[in-house]
C-alpha atoms as a PDB file:
ATOM      1  CA  UNK A   1     118.683 -48.515 -33.582  1.00  0.00           C
ATOM      2  CA  UNK A   2     119.952 -52.055 -33.062  1.00  0.00           C
ATOM      3  CA  UNK A   3     117.894 -53.823 -30.805  1.00  0.00           C
ATOM      4  CA  UNK A   4     118.535 -56.931 -28.154  1.00  0.00           C
ATOM      5  CA  UNK A   5     115.419 -59.372 -27.995  1.00  0.00           C
ATOM      6  CA  UNK A   6     113.974 -61.836 -26.122  1.00  0.00           C
ATOM      7  CA  UNK A   7     110.923 -63.995 -26.208  1.00  0.00           C
ATOM      8  CA  UNK A   8     108.940 -64.316 -23.186  1.00  0.00           C
ATOM      9  CA  UNK A   9     108.661 -67.761 -21.627  1.00  0.00           C
ATOM     10  CA  UNK A  10     105.985 -69.355 -19.814  1.00  0.00           C
ATOM     11  CA  UNK A  11     107.881 -68.147 -16.492  1.00  0.00           C
ATOM     12  CA  UNK A  12     106.976 -64.518 -17.441  1.00  0.00           C
ATOM     13  CA  UNK A  13     103.319 -64.999 -17.204  1.00  0.00           C
ATOM     14  CA  UNK A  14     102.007 -61.786 -14.974  1.00  0.00           C
ATOM     15  CA  UNK A  15     105.228 -60.484 -15.036  1.00  0.00           C
ATOM     16  CA  UNK A  16     106.172 -56.982 -16.343  1.00  0.00           C
ATOM     17  CA  UNK A  17     109.015 -55.661 -18.888  1.00  0.00           C
ATOM     18  CA  UNK A  18     111.415 -54.793 -15.906  1.00  0.00           C
ATOM     19  CA  UNK A  19     111.172 -58.572 -14.932  1.00  0.00           C
ATOM     20  CA  UNK A  20     112.126 -59.755 -18.180  1.00  0.00           C
ATOM     21  CA  UNK A  21     115.017 -57.228 -19.085  1.00  0.00           C
ATOM     22  CA  UNK A  22     116.501 -57.693 -15.333  1.00  0.00           C
ATOM     23  CA  UNK A  23     115.947 -61.562 -14.583  1.00  0.00           C
ATOM     24  CA  UNK A  24     115.562 -63.105 -18.052  1.00  0.00           C
ATOM     25  CA  UNK A  25     118.006 -60.999 -20.087  1.00  0.00           C
ATOM     26  CA  UNK A  26     120.421 -60.209 -17.273  1.00  0.00           C
ATOM     27  CA  UNK A  27     120.507 -56.584 -17.645  1.00  0.00           C
ATOM     28  CA  UNK A  28     121.799 -54.480 -15.146  1.00  0.00           C
ATOM     29  CA  UNK A  29     119.499 -51.416 -13.225  1.00  0.00           C
ATOM     30  CA  UNK A  30     121.842 -48.847 -15.213  1.00  0.00           C
ATOM     31  CA  UNK A  31     121.213 -50.370 -18.488  1.00  0.00           C
ATOM     32  CA  UNK A  32     117.331 -50.050 -17.889  1.00  0.00           C
ATOM     33  CA  UNK A  33     117.278 -46.822 -16.656  1.00  0.00           C
ATOM     34  CA  UNK A  34     119.106 -45.385 -19.328  1.00  0.00           C
ATOM     35  CA  UNK A  35     116.822 -46.833 -21.956  1.00  0.00           C
ATOM     36  CA  UNK A  36     113.994 -45.721 -20.106  1.00  0.00           C
ATOM     37  CA  UNK A  37     114.535 -42.127 -21.143  1.00  0.00           C
ATOM     38  CA  UNK A  38     115.188 -42.805 -24.986  1.00  0.00           C
ATOM     39  CA  UNK A  39     112.249 -42.985 -27.102  1.00  0.00           C
ATOM     40  CA  UNK A  40     112.033 -46.135 -28.795  1.00  0.00           C
ATOM     41  CA  UNK A  41     114.681 -47.851 -26.675  1.00  0.00           C
ATOM     42  CA  UNK A  42     112.323 -50.187 -24.942  1.00  0.00           C
ATOM     43  CA  UNK A  43     109.747 -52.193 -27.005  1.00  0.00           C
ATOM     44  CA  UNK A  44     107.135 -54.741 -26.537  1.00  0.00           C
ATOM     45  CA  UNK A  45     106.198 -56.653 -29.671  1.00  0.00           C
ATOM     46  CA  UNK A  46     107.890 -53.816 -31.598  1.00  0.00           C
ATOM     47  CA  UNK A  47     105.800 -51.155 -29.916  1.00  0.00           C
ATOM     48  CA  UNK A  48     107.493 -48.557 -27.288  1.00  0.00           C
ATOM     49  CA  UNK A  49     106.498 -49.478 -23.852  1.00  0.00           C
ATOM     50  CA  UNK A  50     107.516 -48.852 -20.251  1.00  0.00           C
ATOM     51  CA  UNK A  51     108.896 -50.958 -17.971  1.00  0.00           C
ATOM     52  CA  UNK A  52     105.790 -51.680 -16.026  1.00  0.00           C
ATOM     53  CA  UNK A  53     104.101 -52.882 -18.923  1.00  0.00           C
ATOM     54  CA  UNK A  54     102.606 -56.664 -18.264  1.00  0.00           C
ATOM     55  CA  UNK A  55     103.944 -59.456 -20.585  1.00  0.00           C
ATOM     56  CA  UNK A  56     102.658 -62.617 -21.841  1.00  0.00           C
ATOM     57  CA  UNK A  57     104.198 -65.564 -22.914  1.00  0.00           C
ATOM     58  CA  UNK A  58     105.553 -65.261 -26.615  1.00  0.00           C
ATOM     59  CA  UNK A  59     105.716 -61.810 -26.728  1.00  0.00           C
ATOM     60  CA  UNK A  60     108.991 -59.995 -27.668  1.00  0.00           C
ATOM     61  CA  UNK A  61     110.744 -57.637 -25.305  1.00  0.00           C
ATOM     62  CA  UNK A  62     113.290 -55.542 -27.097  1.00  0.00           C
ATOM     63  CA  UNK A  63     115.978 -53.064 -25.798  1.00  0.00           C
ATOM     64  CA  UNK A  64     118.382 -50.720 -27.761  1.00  0.00           C
ATOM     65  CA  UNK A  65     121.967 -51.846 -27.828  1.00  0.00           C
ATOM     66  CA  UNK A  66     123.452 -48.766 -29.080  1.00  0.00           C
ATOM     67  CA  UNK A  67     124.551 -45.687 -27.107  1.00  0.00           C
ATOM     68  CA  UNK A  68     121.790 -43.862 -25.891  1.00  0.00           C
ATOM     69  CA  UNK A  69     121.988 -39.884 -25.766  1.00  0.00           C
ATOM     70  CA  UNK A  70     121.303 -39.323 -22.305  1.00  0.00           C
ATOM     71  CA  UNK A  71     122.979 -37.885 -19.381  1.00  0.00           C
ATOM     72  CA  UNK A  72     126.079 -40.254 -18.017  1.00  0.00           C
ATOM     73  CA  UNK A  73     125.326 -43.018 -20.770  1.00  0.00           C
ATOM     74  CA  UNK A  74     129.077 -42.556 -22.157  1.00  0.00           C
ATOM     75  CA  UNK A  75     131.934 -40.721 -21.181  1.00  0.00           C
ATOM     76  CA  UNK A  76     133.522 -38.250 -23.724  1.00  0.00           C
ATOM     77  CA  UNK A  77     137.333 -38.888 -24.947  1.00  0.00           C
ATOM     78  CA  UNK A  78     138.643 -37.161 -27.896  1.00  0.00           C
ATOM     79  CA  UNK A  79     139.520 -39.412 -30.897  1.00  0.00           C
ATOM     80  CA  UNK A  80     143.315 -39.276 -31.305  1.00  0.00           C
ATOM     81  CA  UNK A  81     145.398 -40.878 -34.102  1.00  0.00           C
ATOM     82  CA  UNK A  82     148.080 -43.091 -32.463  1.00  0.00           C
ATOM     83  CA  UNK A  83     151.449 -41.603 -32.607  1.00  0.00           C
ATOM     84  CA  UNK A  84     153.192 -45.143 -32.272  1.00  0.00           C
ATOM     85  CA  UNK A  85     151.302 -46.584 -35.398  1.00  0.00           C
ATOM     86  CA  UNK A  86     148.191 -48.556 -35.581  1.00  0.00           C
ATOM     87  CA  UNK A  87     146.475 -50.117 -32.594  1.00  0.00           C
ATOM     88  CA  UNK A  88     147.505 -53.767 -32.073  1.00  0.00           C
ATOM     89  CA  UNK A  89     143.729 -55.328 -32.538  1.00  0.00           C
ATOM     90  CA  UNK A  90     143.822 -58.866 -31.088  1.00  0.00           C
ATOM     91  CA  UNK A  91     139.738 -58.856 -31.996  1.00  0.00           C
ATOM     92  CA  UNK A  92     136.932 -56.872 -32.635  1.00  0.00           C
ATOM     93  CA  UNK A  93     133.281 -56.922 -33.701  1.00  0.00           C
ATOM     94  CA  UNK A  94     130.258 -54.544 -33.823  1.00  0.00           C
ATOM     95  CA  UNK A  95     129.994 -54.737 -29.896  1.00  0.00           C
ATOM     96  CA  UNK A  96     133.359 -55.445 -28.477  1.00  0.00           C
ATOM     97  CA  UNK A  97     137.220 -54.858 -29.019  1.00  0.00           C
ATOM     98  CA  UNK A  98     140.390 -56.565 -27.663  1.00  0.00           C
ATOM     99  CA  UNK A  99     143.553 -54.402 -27.811  1.00  0.00           C
ATOM    100  CA  UNK A 100     146.808 -55.552 -26.883  1.00  0.00           C
ATOM    101  CA  UNK A 101     148.226 -52.737 -25.105  1.00  0.00           C
ATOM    102  CA  UNK A 102     151.775 -51.799 -24.886  1.00  0.00           C
ATOM    103  CA  UNK A 103     153.533 -51.038 -21.684  1.00  0.00           C
ATOM    104  CA  UNK A 104     153.935 -47.463 -20.846  1.00  0.00           C
ATOM    105  CA  UNK A 105     150.768 -46.542 -22.345  1.00  0.00           C
ATOM    106  CA  UNK A 106     148.251 -45.026 -19.723  1.00  0.00           C
ATOM    107  CA  UNK A 107     144.531 -46.437 -20.189  1.00  0.00           C
ATOM    108  CA  UNK A 108     142.637 -43.137 -20.545  1.00  0.00           C
ATOM    109  CA  UNK A 109     142.695 -39.350 -19.999  1.00  0.00           C
ATOM    110  CA  UNK A 110     143.429 -38.223 -16.359  1.00  0.00           C
ATOM    111  CA  UNK A 111     145.459 -35.757 -14.209  1.00  0.00           C
ATOM    112  CA  UNK A 112     148.729 -35.735 -15.913  1.00  0.00           C
ATOM    113  CA  UNK A 113     147.770 -37.579 -19.242  1.00  0.00           C
ATOM    114  CA  UNK A 114     145.306 -35.390 -20.769  1.00  0.00           C
ATOM    115  CA  UNK A 115     145.456 -36.852 -24.289  1.00  0.00           C
ATOM    116  CA  UNK A 116     147.856 -39.774 -25.880  1.00  0.00           C
ATOM    117  CA  UNK A 117     146.380 -42.506 -24.020  1.00  0.00           C
ATOM    118  CA  UNK A 118     144.863 -45.897 -25.107  1.00  0.00           C
ATOM    119  CA  UNK A 119     141.256 -44.517 -24.744  1.00  0.00           C
ATOM    120  CA  UNK A 120     142.250 -41.630 -27.282  1.00  0.00           C
ATOM    121  CA  UNK A 121     143.490 -44.289 -29.582  1.00  0.00           C
ATOM    122  CA  UNK A 122     140.694 -46.436 -29.153  1.00  0.00           C
ATOM    123  CA  UNK A 123     138.281 -43.820 -29.669  1.00  0.00           C
ATOM    124  CA  UNK A 124     139.671 -43.006 -33.215  1.00  0.00           C
ATOM    125  CA  UNK A 125     139.766 -46.481 -34.207  1.00  0.00           C
ATOM    126  CA  UNK A 126     136.118 -46.467 -33.733  1.00  0.00           C
ATOM    127  CA  UNK A 127     135.293 -43.649 -35.121  1.00  0.00           C
ATOM    128  CA  UNK A 128     137.250 -44.791 -38.551  1.00  0.00           C
ATOM    129  CA  UNK A 129     135.275 -47.460 -38.974  1.00  0.00           C
ATOM    130  CA  UNK A 130     131.777 -45.382 -38.468  1.00  0.00           C
ATOM    131  CA  UNK A 131     131.061 -46.400 -35.040  1.00  0.00           C
ATOM    132  CA  UNK A 132     129.775 -43.660 -32.843  1.00  0.00           C
ATOM    133  CA  UNK A 133     129.807 -44.358 -29.276  1.00  0.00           C
ATOM    134  CA  UNK A 134     131.577 -43.224 -25.682  1.00  0.00           C
ATOM    135  CA  UNK A 135     134.411 -44.897 -24.150  1.00  0.00           C
ATOM    136  CA  UNK A 136     133.429 -48.402 -22.488  1.00  0.00           C
ATOM    137  CA  UNK A 137     136.563 -49.934 -20.883  1.00  0.00           C
ATOM    138  CA  UNK A 138     135.468 -53.222 -19.289  1.00  0.00           C
ATOM    139  CA  UNK A 139     138.600 -53.864 -17.253  1.00  0.00           C
ATOM    140  CA  UNK A 140     141.777 -51.799 -17.138  1.00  0.00           C
ATOM    141  CA  UNK A 141     145.693 -52.172 -16.783  1.00  0.00           C
ATOM    142  CA  UNK A 142     148.291 -50.636 -14.784  1.00  0.00           C
ATOM    143  CA  UNK A 143     150.566 -48.079 -17.196  1.00  0.00           C
ATOM    144  CA  UNK A 144     153.079 -50.395 -16.671  1.00  0.00           C
ATOM    145  CA  UNK A 145     151.347 -53.559 -17.719  1.00  0.00           C
ATOM    146  CA  UNK A 146     151.158 -54.684 -21.192  1.00  0.00           C
ATOM    147  CA  UNK A 147     148.471 -57.069 -22.920  1.00  0.00           C
ATOM    148  CA  UNK A 148     144.910 -57.624 -23.688  1.00  0.00           C
ATOM    149  CA  UNK A 149     142.557 -55.119 -22.441  1.00  0.00           C
ATOM    150  CA  UNK A 150     138.705 -54.982 -23.577  1.00  0.00           C
ATOM    151  CA  UNK A 151     136.250 -52.261 -24.700  1.00  0.00           C
ATOM    152  CA  UNK A 152     132.602 -52.222 -25.400  1.00  0.00           C
ATOM    153  CA  UNK A 153     131.100 -50.164 -28.050  1.00  0.00           C
ATOM    154  CA  UNK A 154     127.884 -49.509 -25.921  1.00  0.00           C
ATOM    155  CA  UNK A 155     127.172 -49.018 -22.411  1.00  0.00           C
ATOM    156  CA  UNK A 156     124.702 -52.033 -22.753  1.00  0.00           C
ATOM    157  CA  UNK A 157     127.786 -54.337 -23.809  1.00  0.00           C
ATOM    158  CA  UNK A 158     129.899 -52.777 -21.146  1.00  0.00           C
ATOM    159  CA  UNK A 159     127.117 -53.575 -18.494  1.00  0.00           C
ATOM    160  CA  UNK A 160     126.668 -57.406 -19.750  1.00  0.00           C
ATOM    161  CA  UNK A 161     130.342 -57.894 -19.839  1.00  0.00           C
ATOM    162  CA  UNK A 162     131.341 -56.631 -16.474  1.00  0.00           C
ATOM    163  CA  UNK A 163     128.624 -58.739 -14.852  1.00  0.00           C
ATOM    164  CA  UNK A 164     130.513 -61.519 -16.283  1.00  0.00           C
ATOM    165  CA  UNK A 165     133.902 -60.287 -14.485  1.00  0.00           C
ATOM    166  CA  UNK A 166     135.060 -62.495 -11.522  1.00  0.00           C
ATOM    167  CA  UNK A 167     133.090 -65.357 -12.922  1.00  0.00           C
ATOM    168  CA  UNK A 168     134.240 -68.742 -14.922  1.00  0.00           C
ATOM    169  CA  UNK A 169     132.585 -66.971 -18.087  1.00  0.00           C
ATOM    170  CA  UNK A 170     135.143 -64.049 -18.052  1.00  0.00           C
ATOM    171  CA  UNK A 171     138.800 -65.282 -17.624  1.00  0.00           C
ATOM    172  CA  UNK A 172     141.814 -63.390 -17.332  1.00  0.00           C
ATOM    173  CA  UNK A 173     145.347 -65.139 -17.894  1.00  0.00           C
ATOM    174  CA  UNK A 174     148.479 -63.219 -17.067  1.00  0.00           C
ATOM    175  CA  UNK A 175     152.356 -63.857 -17.353  1.00  0.00           C
ATOM    176  CA  UNK A 176     154.967 -62.412 -14.899  1.00  0.00           C
ATOM    177  CA  UNK A 177     158.612 -62.474 -14.342  1.00  0.00           C
ATOM    178  CA  UNK A 178     159.601 -62.884 -10.546  1.00  0.00           C
ATOM    179  CA  UNK A 179     162.434 -62.724  -8.650  1.00  0.00           C
ATOM    180  CA  UNK A 180     162.712 -65.952  -6.681  1.00  0.00           C
ATOM    181  CA  UNK A 181     160.799 -69.255  -7.260  1.00  0.00           C
ATOM    182  CA  UNK A 182     157.292 -69.923  -5.802  1.00  0.00           C
ATOM    183  CA  UNK A 183     157.205 -72.688  -3.619  1.00  0.00           C
ATOM    184  CA  UNK A 184     155.003 -74.773  -4.253  1.00  0.00           C
ATOM    185  CA  UNK A 185     155.579 -74.631  -8.058  1.00  0.00           C
ATOM    186  CA  UNK A 186     151.565 -74.104  -8.356  1.00  0.00           C
ATOM    187  CA  UNK A 187     148.853 -72.990  -5.813  1.00  0.00           C
ATOM    188  CA  UNK A 188     146.404 -70.644  -4.857  1.00  0.00           C
ATOM    189  CA  UNK A 189     147.320 -67.212  -2.914  1.00  0.00           C
ATOM    190  CA  UNK A 190     144.437 -66.174  -0.803  1.00  0.00           C
ATOM    191  CA  UNK A 191     145.571 -63.040   0.964  1.00  0.00           C
ATOM    192  CA  UNK A 192     142.804 -59.903   1.773  1.00  0.00           C
ATOM    193  CA  UNK A 193     143.801 -56.950  -0.007  1.00  0.00           C
ATOM    194  CA  UNK A 194     143.364 -53.379   1.591  1.00  0.00           C
ATOM    195  CA  UNK A 195     144.767 -49.839   0.824  1.00  0.00           C
ATOM    196  CA  UNK A 196     147.549 -48.678   3.269  1.00  0.00           C
ATOM    197  CA  UNK A 197     146.419 -45.803   5.245  1.00  0.00           C
ATOM    198  CA  UNK A 198     150.163 -44.591   5.348  1.00  0.00           C
ATOM    199  CA  UNK A 199     150.468 -44.649   1.328  1.00  0.00           C
ATOM    200  CA  UNK A 200     147.213 -43.716  -0.266  1.00  0.00           C
ATOM    201  CA  UNK A 201     148.660 -44.832  -3.686  1.00  0.00           C
ATOM    202  CA  UNK A 202     149.676 -48.300  -2.583  1.00  0.00           C
ATOM    203  CA  UNK A 203     148.120 -51.179  -1.400  1.00  0.00           C
ATOM    204  CA  UNK A 204     148.997 -54.523   0.558  1.00  0.00           C
ATOM    205  CA  UNK A 205     147.833 -57.461   2.608  1.00  0.00           C
ATOM    206  CA  UNK A 206     145.905 -56.827   5.815  1.00  0.00           C
ATOM    207  CA  UNK A 207     143.586 -59.103   7.684  1.00  0.00           C
ATOM    208  CA  UNK A 208     140.973 -56.284   7.725  1.00  0.00           C
ATOM    209  CA  UNK A 209     140.939 -56.256   3.838  1.00  0.00           C
ATOM    210  CA  UNK A 210     138.675 -57.454   0.989  1.00  0.00           C
ATOM    211  CA  UNK A 211     138.915 -60.826  -0.111  1.00  0.00           C
ATOM    212  CA  UNK A 212     141.682 -61.292  -3.083  1.00  0.00           C
ATOM    213  CA  UNK A 213     142.375 -64.656  -4.822  1.00  0.00           C
ATOM    214  CA  UNK A 214     145.176 -65.454  -7.281  1.00  0.00           C
ATOM    215  CA  UNK A 215     146.044 -68.752  -8.978  1.00  0.00           C
ATOM    216  CA  UNK A 216     149.540 -69.489 -10.265  1.00  0.00           C
ATOM    217  CA  UNK A 217     151.506 -72.017 -12.079  1.00  0.00           C
ATOM    218  CA  UNK A 218     155.427 -71.563 -12.111  1.00  0.00           C
ATOM    219  CA  UNK A 219     156.487 -72.041 -15.823  1.00  0.00           C
ATOM    220  CA  UNK A 220     159.979 -72.558 -15.363  1.00  0.00           C
ATOM    221  CA  UNK A 221     163.115 -70.600 -13.762  1.00  0.00           C
ATOM    222  CA  UNK A 222     166.782 -69.752 -14.160  1.00  0.00           C
ATOM    223  CA  UNK A 223     169.487 -68.232 -11.982  1.00  0.00           C
ATOM    224  CA  UNK A 224     166.850 -67.483  -9.284  1.00  0.00           C
ATOM    225  CA  UNK A 225     164.247 -65.739 -11.731  1.00  0.00           C
ATOM    226  CA  UNK A 226     161.195 -67.556 -12.544  1.00  0.00           C
ATOM    227  CA  UNK A 227     158.132 -67.134 -15.103  1.00  0.00           C
ATOM    228  CA  UNK A 228     154.761 -67.680 -13.878  1.00  0.00           C
ATOM    229  CA  UNK A 229     151.416 -67.906 -15.448  1.00  0.00           C
ATOM    230  CA  UNK A 230     148.399 -66.195 -13.085  1.00  0.00           C
ATOM    231  CA  UNK A 231     144.472 -66.252 -13.292  1.00  0.00           C
ATOM    232  CA  UNK A 232     142.864 -63.953 -11.382  1.00  0.00           C
ATOM    233  CA  UNK A 233     139.560 -64.751  -9.310  1.00  0.00           C
ATOM    234  CA  UNK A 234     139.291 -61.529  -7.884  1.00  0.00           C
ATOM    235  CA  UNK A 235     140.110 -58.159  -9.530  1.00  0.00           C
ATOM    236  CA  UNK A 236     141.794 -55.856  -6.849  1.00  0.00           C
ATOM    237  CA  UNK A 237     144.319 -53.023  -7.830  1.00  0.00           C
ATOM    238  CA  UNK A 238     147.653 -54.475  -8.040  1.00  0.00           C
ATOM    239  CA  UNK A 239     146.622 -57.753  -7.089  1.00  0.00           C
ATOM    240  CA  UNK A 240     149.195 -60.000  -8.615  1.00  0.00           C
ATOM    241  CA  UNK A 241     152.129 -57.517  -7.743  1.00  0.00           C
ATOM    242  CA  UNK A 242     150.911 -57.446  -4.213  1.00  0.00           C
ATOM    243  CA  UNK A 243     150.386 -61.020  -4.122  1.00  0.00           C
ATOM    244  CA  UNK A 244     153.537 -62.312  -5.643  1.00  0.00           C
ATOM    245  CA  UNK A 245     155.515 -60.094  -3.521  1.00  0.00           C
ATOM    246  CA  UNK A 246     153.487 -61.614  -0.510  1.00  0.00           C
ATOM    247  CA  UNK A 247     154.762 -65.196  -1.127  1.00  0.00           C
ATOM    248  CA  UNK A 248     158.355 -63.656  -1.610  1.00  0.00           C
ATOM    249  CA  UNK A 249     158.552 -63.580  -5.386  1.00  0.00           C
ATOM    250  CA  UNK A 250     157.822 -59.896  -6.410  1.00  0.00           C
ATOM    251  CA  UNK A 251     157.575 -58.979  -9.931  1.00  0.00           C
ATOM    252  CA  UNK A 252     161.095 -58.237 -11.689  1.00  0.00           C
ATOM    253  CA  UNK A 253     161.017 -54.504 -12.195  1.00  0.00           C
ATOM    254  CA  UNK A 254     158.467 -53.249  -9.762  1.00  0.00           C
ATOM    255  CA  UNK A 255     159.819 -50.440  -7.911  1.00  0.00           C
ATOM    256  CA  UNK A 256     156.825 -50.451  -5.581  1.00  0.00           C
ATOM    257  CA  UNK A 257     156.578 -54.018  -4.272  1.00  0.00           C
ATOM    258  CA  UNK A 258     159.919 -55.239  -5.147  1.00  0.00           C
ATOM    259  CA  UNK A 259     163.016 -56.128  -3.429  1.00  0.00           C
ATOM    260  CA  UNK A 260     166.698 -56.615  -4.205  1.00  0.00           C
ATOM    261  CA  UNK A 261     167.940 -57.273  -7.630  1.00  0.00           C
ATOM    262  CA  UNK A 262     167.981 -60.983  -8.574  1.00  0.00           C
ATOM    263  CA  UNK A 263     170.750 -61.725 -10.864  1.00  0.00           C
ATOM    264  CA  UNK A 264     170.481 -58.098 -12.184  1.00  0.00           C
ATOM    265  CA  UNK A 265     167.313 -59.087 -13.890  1.00  0.00           C
ATOM    266  CA  UNK A 266     165.455 -55.949 -12.495  1.00  0.00           C
ATOM    267  CA  UNK A 267     167.910 -53.547 -14.523  1.00  0.00           C
ATOM    268  CA  UNK A 268     166.870 -55.319 -17.632  1.00  0.00           C
ATOM    269  CA  UNK A 269     163.490 -54.205 -17.673  1.00  0.00           C
ATOM    270  CA  UNK A 270     162.005 -50.664 -16.436  1.00  0.00           C
ATOM    271  CA  UNK A 271     158.527 -51.545 -15.488  1.00  0.00           C
ATOM    272  CA  UNK A 272     156.931 -54.519 -13.650  1.00  0.00           C
ATOM    273  CA  UNK A 273     157.253 -57.608 -15.572  1.00  0.00           C
ATOM    274  CA  UNK A 274     153.457 -58.271 -16.255  1.00  0.00           C
ATOM    275  CA  UNK A 275     151.491 -59.469 -19.152  1.00  0.00           C
ATOM    276  CA  UNK A 276     148.146 -59.720 -19.725  1.00  0.00           C
ATOM    277  CA  UNK A 277     148.093 -62.704 -22.362  1.00  0.00           C
ATOM    278  CA  UNK A 278     144.839 -64.313 -22.272  1.00  0.00           C
ATOM    279  CA  UNK A 279     141.219 -63.118 -21.929  1.00  0.00           C
ATOM    280  CA  UNK A 280     138.225 -65.492 -22.741  1.00  0.00           C
ATOM    281  CA  UNK A 281     134.647 -64.329 -22.250  1.00  0.00           C
ATOM    282  CA  UNK A 282     131.078 -64.884 -23.673  1.00  0.00           C
ATOM    283  CA  UNK A 283     129.966 -62.447 -26.156  1.00  0.00           C
ATOM    284  CA  UNK A 284     127.320 -59.981 -24.309  1.00  0.00           C
ATOM    285  CA  UNK A 285     124.722 -60.673 -27.528  1.00  0.00           C
ATOM    286  CA  UNK A 286     125.268 -63.664 -29.232  1.00  0.00           C
ATOM    287  CA  UNK A 287     126.660 -66.371 -26.274  1.00  0.00           C
ATOM    288  CA  UNK A 288     129.437 -67.383 -28.394  1.00  0.00           C
ATOM    289  CA  UNK A 289     132.938 -68.111 -26.189  1.00  0.00           C
ATOM    290  CA  UNK A 290     135.627 -65.841 -27.599  1.00  0.00           C
ATOM    291  CA  UNK A 291     138.965 -66.760 -26.505  1.00  0.00           C
ATOM    292  CA  UNK A 292     142.185 -64.654 -27.284  1.00  0.00           C
ATOM    293  CA  UNK A 293     145.922 -64.873 -26.259  1.00  0.00           C
ATOM    294  CA  UNK A 294     148.440 -61.718 -27.049  1.00  0.00           C
ATOM    295  CA  UNK A 295     152.207 -62.862 -27.649  1.00  0.00           C
ATOM    296  CA  UNK A 296     154.872 -62.487 -24.395  1.00  0.00           C
ATOM    297  CA  UNK A 297     156.382 -58.864 -25.495  1.00  0.00           C
ATOM    298  CA  UNK A 298     160.150 -58.733 -26.346  1.00  0.00           C
ATOM    299  CA  UNK A 299     161.383 -56.875 -23.047  1.00  0.00           C
ATOM    300  CA  UNK A 300     159.830 -60.141 -21.124  1.00  0.00           C
ATOM    301  CA  UNK A 301     161.114 -62.700 -23.116  1.00  0.00           C
ATOM    302  CA  UNK A 302     164.701 -61.290 -23.081  1.00  0.00           C
ATOM    303  CA  UNK A 303     164.403 -61.728 -19.144  1.00  0.00           C
ATOM    304  CA  UNK A 304     164.049 -65.766 -19.697  1.00  0.00           C
ATOM    305  CA  UNK A 305     164.634 -66.380 -23.475  1.00  0.00           C
ATOM    306  CA  UNK A 306     164.869 -70.066 -22.505  1.00  0.00           C
ATOM    307  CA  UNK A 307     161.466 -70.213 -21.075  1.00  0.00           C
ATOM    308  CA  UNK A 308     159.532 -67.309 -22.819  1.00  0.00           C
ATOM    309  CA  UNK A 309     158.735 -66.990 -26.385  1.00  0.00           C
ATOM    310  CA  UNK A 310     156.621 -64.846 -28.262  1.00  0.00           C
ATOM    311  CA  UNK A 311     154.533 -67.439 -29.637  1.00  0.00           C
ATOM    312  CA  UNK A 312     154.162 -69.865 -26.645  1.00  0.00           C
ATOM    313  CA  UNK A 313     150.903 -71.240 -25.404  1.00  0.00           C
ATOM    314  CA  UNK A 314     150.462 -71.026 -21.611  1.00  0.00           C
ATOM    315  CA  UNK A 315     147.931 -73.127 -19.952  1.00  0.00           C
ATOM    316  CA  UNK A 316     145.721 -71.255 -17.254  1.00  0.00           C
ATOM    317  CA  UNK A 317     146.555 -72.377 -13.823  1.00  0.00           C
END
């Protein structure tokens, strides 16, 4: 059983194990609760303990990293060998995995997609490495969006990474091809997001909605079509697609939030032209800063070949 360890400091005097786990180690309530029901998953100076045990400075508090065999600890997704070849692994270690998802691939099984999903393929890859765990996506991408997506190999790692989301520790950068050219060329879209009551599967901007903020920078344009780099400050469903349409520059190929063709570009791609090209995060256990980029896919390059290239380096807005 792999353990995450912490040496209590002077500020832990008179506190209990739960305080160290939640406040000092930054663990979620769910992570602590799961460990409480697994023998040996919580220890104080190497001995099994309860969360109410008192801690003295210098003592070691530890919690199991690996998935624990308790109800709800890990959803079950069947391993399945990829039908389209090997997964495009952008980064991996014992605790997390970054995959370059192709456009058109569903994230995980659900209604209408019982198998053949990225989740099935990730589980097959992890099993081939001898890693036994549930499926733990840290964030998700729409079916039509390509690019980087992060999976954890344990509930604990997932919880810790998701607590980084929407902070400076976890940055997500995208490239989109849009109809029209943003004005100004660089800026911030601060427009509240809401689910549309008349269309349960679509979303839009509404004054009564939840906060949603997107940073953007125009990379270049040609014939009324532009390449734009974007950084999410919040993570609402379809946020980039909604925000770019809101400023009059919907994504090329976006049948839901799009508008009229611009120079015939929409007909050249059969999905919203959006790619998750960059993720940087702090490793949940080592504290190492990890930064990964995924090349712009060919279908998006073809829309603006003089501006986009597979190996281009994009600076986040």
